[in-house]
PDB file of N, CA and C in Angstrom:
ATOM      1  N   MET A   1     107.017 168.141  30.033  1.00  0.00           N
ATOM      2  CA  MET A   1     106.316 167.047  30.631  1.00  0.00           C
ATOM      3  C   MET A   1     107.131 166.569  31.850  1.00  0.00           C
ATOM      4  N   ILE A   2     106.455 166.574  32.984  1.00  0.00           N
ATOM      5  CA  ILE A   2     107.075 166.081  34.210  1.00  0.00           C
ATOM      6  C   ILE A   2     106.110 165.070  34.810  1.00  0.00           C
ATOM      7  N   PRO A   3     106.266 163.801  34.467  1.00  0.00           N
ATOM      8  CA  PRO A   3     105.337 162.817  35.015  1.00  0.00           C
ATOM      9  C   PRO A   3     105.431 162.719  36.526  1.00  0.00           C
ATOM     10  N   GLY A   4     104.277 162.580  37.177  1.00  0.00           N
ATOM     11  CA  GLY A   4     104.258 162.457  38.620  1.00  0.00           C
ATOM     12  C   GLY A   4     104.641 163.747  39.321  1.00  0.00           C
ATOM     13  N   LEU A   5     104.323 164.866  38.753  1.00  0.00           N
ATOM     14  CA  LEU A   5     104.688 166.169  39.307  1.00  0.00           C
ATOM     15  C   LEU A   5     104.285 166.312  40.767  1.00  0.00           C
ATOM     16  N   ASN A   6     103.051 166.004  41.080  1.00  0.00           N
ATOM     17  CA  ASN A   6     102.581 166.139  42.455  1.00  0.00           C
ATOM     18  C   ASN A   6     103.221 165.142  43.417  1.00  0.00           C
ATOM     19  N   LYS A   7     103.524 163.954  42.881  1.00  0.00           N
ATOM     20  CA  LYS A   7     104.145 162.932  43.725  1.00  0.00           C
ATOM     21  C   LYS A   7     105.561 163.344  44.129  1.00  0.00           C
ATOM     22  N   LYS A   8     106.208 164.192  43.323  1.00  0.00           N
ATOM     23  CA  LYS A   8     107.539 164.646  43.623  1.00  0.00           C
ATOM     24  C   LYS A   8     107.534 165.828  44.581  1.00  0.00           C
ATOM     25  N   GLY A   9     106.322 166.274  44.968  1.00  0.00           N
ATOM     26  CA  GLY A   9     106.206 167.399  45.891  1.00  0.00           C
ATOM     27  C   GLY A   9     106.367 168.747  45.190  1.00  0.00           C
ATOM     28  N   TRP A  10     106.264 168.763  43.905  1.00  0.00           N
ATOM     29  CA  TRP A  10     106.357 170.002  43.127  1.00  0.00           C
ATOM     30  C   TRP A  10     104.963 170.491  42.815  1.00  0.00           C
ATOM     31  N   ASP A  11     104.850 171.766  42.517  1.00  0.00           N
ATOM     32  CA  ASP A  11     103.622 172.286  41.949  1.00  0.00           C
ATOM     33  C   ASP A  11     103.942 172.913  40.602  1.00  0.00           C
ATOM     34  N   LYS A  12     102.910 173.169  39.814  1.00  0.00           N
ATOM     35  CA  LYS A  12     103.148 173.664  38.445  1.00  0.00           C
ATOM     36  C   LYS A  12     103.819 175.023  38.453  1.00  0.00           C
ATOM     37  N   GLU A  13     103.468 175.893  39.409  1.00  0.00           N
ATOM     38  CA  GLU A  13     104.040 177.219  39.451  1.00  0.00           C
ATOM     39  C   GLU A  13     105.551 177.176  39.683  1.00  0.00           C
ATOM     40  N   THR A  14     105.973 176.313  40.607  1.00  0.00           N
ATOM     41  CA  THR A  14     107.419 176.184  40.889  1.00  0.00           C
ATOM     42  C   THR A  14     108.151 175.626  39.680  1.00  0.00           C
ATOM     43  N   ALA A  15     107.594 174.632  39.049  1.00  0.00           N
ATOM     44  CA  ALA A  15     108.218 174.031  37.862  1.00  0.00           C
ATOM     45  C   ALA A  15     108.266 175.046  36.732  1.00  0.00           C
ATOM     46  N   LEU A  16     107.233 175.842  36.560  1.00  0.00           N
ATOM     47  CA  LEU A  16     107.268 176.858  35.506  1.00  0.00           C
ATOM     48  C   LEU A  16     108.299 177.927  35.776  1.00  0.00           C
ATOM     49  N   LYS A  17     108.492 178.290  37.030  1.00  0.00           N
ATOM     50  CA  LYS A  17     109.504 179.291  37.360  1.00  0.00           C
ATOM     51  C   LYS A  17     110.891 178.808  36.949  1.00  0.00           C
ATOM     52  N   ARG A  18     111.130 177.499  37.083  1.00  0.00           N
ATOM     53  CA  ARG A  18     112.408 176.955  36.634  1.00  0.00           C
ATOM     54  C   ARG A  18     112.566 177.083  35.127  1.00  0.00           C
ATOM     55  N   CYS A  19     111.484 176.926  34.383  1.00  0.00           N
ATOM     56  CA  CYS A  19     111.528 177.065  32.940  1.00  0.00           C
ATOM     57  C   CYS A  19     111.824 178.495  32.546  1.00  0.00           C
ATOM     58  N   TYR A  20     111.294 179.454  33.326  1.00  0.00           N
ATOM     59  CA  TYR A  20     111.470 180.859  32.981  1.00  0.00           C
ATOM     60  C   TYR A  20     112.903 181.341  33.243  1.00  0.00           C
ATOM     61  N   ASN A  21     113.787 180.481  33.742  1.00  0.00           N
ATOM     62  CA  ASN A  21     115.188 180.824  33.880  1.00  0.00           C
ATOM     63  C   ASN A  21     115.933 180.651  32.546  1.00  0.00           C
ATOM     64  N   LEU A  22     115.187 180.319  31.490  1.00  0.00           N
ATOM     65  CA  LEU A  22     115.784 180.136  30.164  1.00  0.00           C
ATOM     66  C   LEU A  22     115.252 181.210  29.210  1.00  0.00           C
ATOM     67  N   PRO A  23     115.592 182.473  29.407  1.00  0.00           N
ATOM     68  CA  PRO A  23     114.993 183.562  28.649  1.00  0.00           C
ATOM     69  C   PRO A  23     115.334 183.613  27.181  1.00  0.00           C
ATOM     70  N   GLY A  24     116.294 182.829  26.723  1.00  0.00           N
ATOM     71  CA  GLY A  24     116.668 182.828  25.321  1.00  0.00           C
ATOM     72  C   GLY A  24     115.744 182.024  24.434  1.00  0.00           C
ATOM     73  N   ILE A  25     114.778 181.377  25.003  1.00  0.00           N
ATOM     74  CA  ILE A  25     113.855 180.531  24.262  1.00  0.00           C
ATOM     75  C   ILE A  25     112.561 181.302  24.001  1.00  0.00           C
ATOM     76  N   ASP A  26     112.085 181.329  22.756  1.00  0.00           N
ATOM     77  CA  ASP A  26     110.931 182.157  22.397  1.00  0.00           C
ATOM     78  C   ASP A  26     109.687 181.853  23.228  1.00  0.00           C
ATOM     79  N   VAL A  27     109.368 180.567  23.459  1.00  0.00           N
ATOM     80  CA  VAL A  27     108.158 180.254  24.204  1.00  0.00           C
ATOM     81  C   VAL A  27     108.271 180.765  25.644  1.00  0.00           C
ATOM     82  N   VAL A  28     109.464 180.846  26.155  1.00  0.00           N
ATOM     83  CA  VAL A  28     109.656 181.388  27.516  1.00  0.00           C
ATOM     84  C   VAL A  28     109.451 182.905  27.459  1.00  0.00           C
ATOM     85  N   LYS A  29     110.061 183.566  26.489  1.00  0.00           N
ATOM     86  CA  LYS A  29     109.891 185.015  26.340  1.00  0.00           C
ATOM     87  C   LYS A  29     108.429 185.395  26.236  1.00  0.00           C
ATOM     88  N   ASN A  30     107.666 184.601  25.512  1.00  0.00           N
ATOM     89  CA  ASN A  30     106.251 184.879  25.255  1.00  0.00           C
ATOM     90  C   ASN A  30     105.342 184.257  26.309  1.00  0.00           C
ATOM     91  N   LYS A  31     105.893 183.646  27.345  1.00  0.00           N
ATOM     92  CA  LYS A  31     105.138 183.006  28.427  1.00  0.00           C
ATOM     93  C   LYS A  31     104.114 181.994  27.848  1.00  0.00           C
ATOM     94  N   GLN A  32     104.603 181.151  26.948  1.00  0.00           N
ATOM     95  CA  GLN A  32     103.759 180.130  26.331  1.00  0.00           C
ATOM     96  C   GLN A  32     104.167 178.734  26.734  1.00  0.00           C
ATOM     97  N   VAL A  33     104.797 178.598  27.872  1.00  0.00           N
ATOM     98  CA  VAL A  33     105.225 177.291  28.357  1.00  0.00           C
ATOM     99  C   VAL A  33     103.985 176.638  29.005  1.00  0.00           C
ATOM    100  N   HIS A  34     103.734 175.398  28.641  1.00  0.00           N
ATOM    101  CA  HIS A  34     102.625 174.632  29.209  1.00  0.00           C
ATOM    102  C   HIS A  34     103.203 173.379  29.809  1.00  0.00           C
ATOM    103  N   LEU A  35     102.771 173.052  30.980  1.00  0.00           N
ATOM    104  CA  LEU A  35     103.325 171.948  31.728  1.00  0.00           C
ATOM    105  C   LEU A  35     102.287 170.843  31.869  1.00  0.00           C
ATOM    106  N   PHE A  36     102.714 169.621  31.583  1.00  0.00           N
ATOM    107  CA  PHE A  36     101.857 168.443  31.749  1.00  0.00           C
ATOM    108  C   PHE A  36     102.507 167.587  32.819  1.00  0.00           C
ATOM    109  N   GLY A  37     101.793 167.350  33.936  1.00  0.00           N
ATOM    110  CA  GLY A  37     102.404 166.665  35.048  1.00  0.00           C
ATOM    111  C   GLY A  37     101.765 165.351  35.457  1.00  0.00           C
ATOM    112  N   GLU A  38     100.825 164.877  34.658  1.00  0.00           N
ATOM    113  CA  GLU A  38     100.176 163.614  35.001  1.00  0.00           C
ATOM    114  C   GLU A  38     101.123 162.453  34.751  1.00  0.00           C
ATOM    115  N   ASP A  39     100.894 161.360  35.445  1.00  0.00           N
ATOM    116  CA  ASP A  39     101.753 160.180  35.304  1.00  0.00           C
ATOM    117  C   ASP A  39     101.767 159.606  33.877  1.00  0.00           C
ATOM    118  N   TYR A  40     100.653 159.687  33.210  1.00  0.00           N
ATOM    119  CA  TYR A  40     100.531 159.014  31.911  1.00  0.00           C
ATOM    120  C   TYR A  40     101.126 159.782  30.741  1.00  0.00           C
ATOM    121  N   VAL A  41     101.653 160.975  30.948  1.00  0.00           N
ATOM    122  CA  VAL A  41     102.094 161.778  29.808  1.00  0.00           C
ATOM    123  C   VAL A  41     103.268 161.213  29.054  1.00  0.00           C
ATOM    124  N   VAL A  42     104.028 160.328  29.668  1.00  0.00           N
ATOM    125  CA  VAL A  42     105.188 159.750  28.997  1.00  0.00           C
ATOM    126  C   VAL A  42     105.073 158.231  28.821  1.00  0.00           C
ATOM    127  N   ILE A  43     103.882 157.712  29.056  1.00  0.00           N
ATOM    128  CA  ILE A  43     103.672 156.250  28.933  1.00  0.00           C
ATOM    129  C   ILE A  43     102.800 155.983  27.721  1.00  0.00           C
ATOM    130  N   LEU A  44     103.360 155.238  26.785  1.00  0.00           N
ATOM    131  CA  LEU A  44     102.566 154.851  25.624  1.00  0.00           C
ATOM    132  C   LEU A  44     101.517 153.825  26.045  1.00  0.00           C
ATOM    133  N   GLY A  45     100.339 153.996  25.567  1.00  0.00           N
ATOM    134  CA  GLY A  45      99.254 153.080  25.883  1.00  0.00           C
ATOM    135  C   GLY A  45      97.924 153.760  25.626  1.00  0.00           C
ATOM    136  N   PRO A  46      96.849 153.163  26.093  1.00  0.00           N
ATOM    137  CA  PRO A  46      95.511 153.690  25.792  1.00  0.00           C
ATOM    138  C   PRO A  46      95.250 155.079  26.359  1.00  0.00           C
ATOM    139  N   ARG A  47      95.975 155.453  27.417  1.00  0.00           N
ATOM    140  CA  ARG A  47      95.748 156.800  27.964  1.00  0.00           C
ATOM    141  C   ARG A  47      96.519 157.888  27.208  1.00  0.00           C
ATOM    142  N   PHE A  48      97.263 157.497  26.196  1.00  0.00           N
ATOM    143  CA  PHE A  48      97.980 158.463  25.363  1.00  0.00           C
ATOM    144  C   PHE A  48      97.005 159.494  24.777  1.00  0.00           C
ATOM    145  N   ILE A  49      95.793 159.072  24.497  1.00  0.00           N
ATOM    146  CA  ILE A  49      94.792 159.996  23.966  1.00  0.00           C
ATOM    147  C   ILE A  49      94.546 161.136  24.930  1.00  0.00           C
ATOM    148  N   LEU A  50      94.632 160.910  26.242  1.00  0.00           N
ATOM    149  CA  LEU A  50      94.448 161.962  27.218  1.00  0.00           C
ATOM    150  C   LEU A  50      95.495 163.069  27.068  1.00  0.00           C
ATOM    151  N   THR A  51      96.725 162.650  26.773  1.00  0.00           N
ATOM    152  CA  THR A  51      97.800 163.617  26.521  1.00  0.00           C
ATOM    153  C   THR A  51      97.514 164.416  25.260  1.00  0.00           C
ATOM    154  N   LEU A  52      97.083 163.725  24.222  1.00  0.00           N
ATOM    155  CA  LEU A  52      96.742 164.416  22.977  1.00  0.00           C
ATOM    156  C   LEU A  52      95.610 165.417  23.173  1.00  0.00           C
ATOM    157  N   GLU A  53      94.626 165.051  23.977  1.00  0.00           N
ATOM    158  CA  GLU A  53      93.521 165.977  24.264  1.00  0.00           C
ATOM    159  C   GLU A  53      94.028 167.219  25.008  1.00  0.00           C
ATOM    160  N   GLN A  54      94.954 167.020  25.927  1.00  0.00           N
ATOM    161  CA  GLN A  54      95.520 168.173  26.672  1.00  0.00           C
ATOM    162  C   GLN A  54      96.270 169.106  25.718  1.00  0.00           C
ATOM    163  N   VAL A  55      97.063 168.532  24.824  1.00  0.00           N
ATOM    164  CA  VAL A  55      97.813 169.331  23.848  1.00  0.00           C
ATOM    165  C   VAL A  55      96.838 170.062  22.948  1.00  0.00           C
ATOM    166  N   ALA A  56      95.776 169.411  22.525  1.00  0.00           N
ATOM    167  CA  ALA A  56      94.774 170.045  21.670  1.00  0.00           C
ATOM    168  C   ALA A  56      94.115 171.230  22.367  1.00  0.00           C
ATOM    169  N   ARG A  57      93.831 171.092  23.683  1.00  0.00           N
ATOM    170  CA  ARG A  57      93.253 172.202  24.433  1.00  0.00           C
ATOM    171  C   ARG A  57      94.200 173.384  24.534  1.00  0.00           C
ATOM    172  N   VAL A  58      95.493 173.125  24.613  1.00  0.00           N
ATOM    173  CA  VAL A  58      96.475 174.194  24.656  1.00  0.00           C
ATOM    174  C   VAL A  58      96.517 174.920  23.310  1.00  0.00           C
ATOM    175  N   ILE A  59      96.503 174.151  22.253  1.00  0.00           N
ATOM    176  CA  ILE A  59      96.584 174.746  20.905  1.00  0.00           C
ATOM    177  C   ILE A  59      95.281 175.452  20.511  1.00  0.00           C
ATOM    178  N   HIS A  60      94.159 174.830  20.847  1.00  0.00           N
ATOM    179  CA  HIS A  60      92.843 175.374  20.504  1.00  0.00           C
ATOM    180  C   HIS A  60      91.962 175.465  21.774  1.00  0.00           C
ATOM    181  N   PRO A  61      92.191 176.462  22.599  1.00  0.00           N
ATOM    182  CA  PRO A  61      91.470 176.539  23.888  1.00  0.00           C
ATOM    183  C   PRO A  61      89.963 176.759  23.733  1.00  0.00           C
ATOM    184  N   ASP A  62      89.521 177.263  22.598  1.00  0.00           N
ATOM    185  CA  ASP A  62      88.098 177.524  22.403  1.00  0.00           C
ATOM    186  C   ASP A  62      87.332 176.338  21.822  1.00  0.00           C
ATOM    187  N   ALA A  63      88.024 175.301  21.436  1.00  0.00           N
ATOM    188  CA  ALA A  63      87.369 174.127  20.846  1.00  0.00           C
ATOM    189  C   ALA A  63      86.656 173.350  21.939  1.00  0.00           C
ATOM    190  N   PRO A  64      85.556 172.700  21.599  1.00  0.00           N
ATOM    191  CA  PRO A  64      84.812 171.922  22.605  1.00  0.00           C
ATOM    192  C   PRO A  64      85.553 170.696  23.072  1.00  0.00           C
TER     193      PRO A  64
END
């Protein structure tokens, strides 16, 4: 989770490349790293459900 990813001038591909510099981690080896860059991902509040929905889509991409 990198809140404000776009505001920092980063893009998801660049941030993911930095993650792939850690080859000893299984999710990196299997290219299963998922990045959440919206501002609300680390703020508790009513928009927390949006983060949960994003995580659910990653876990179950075929679910409606």
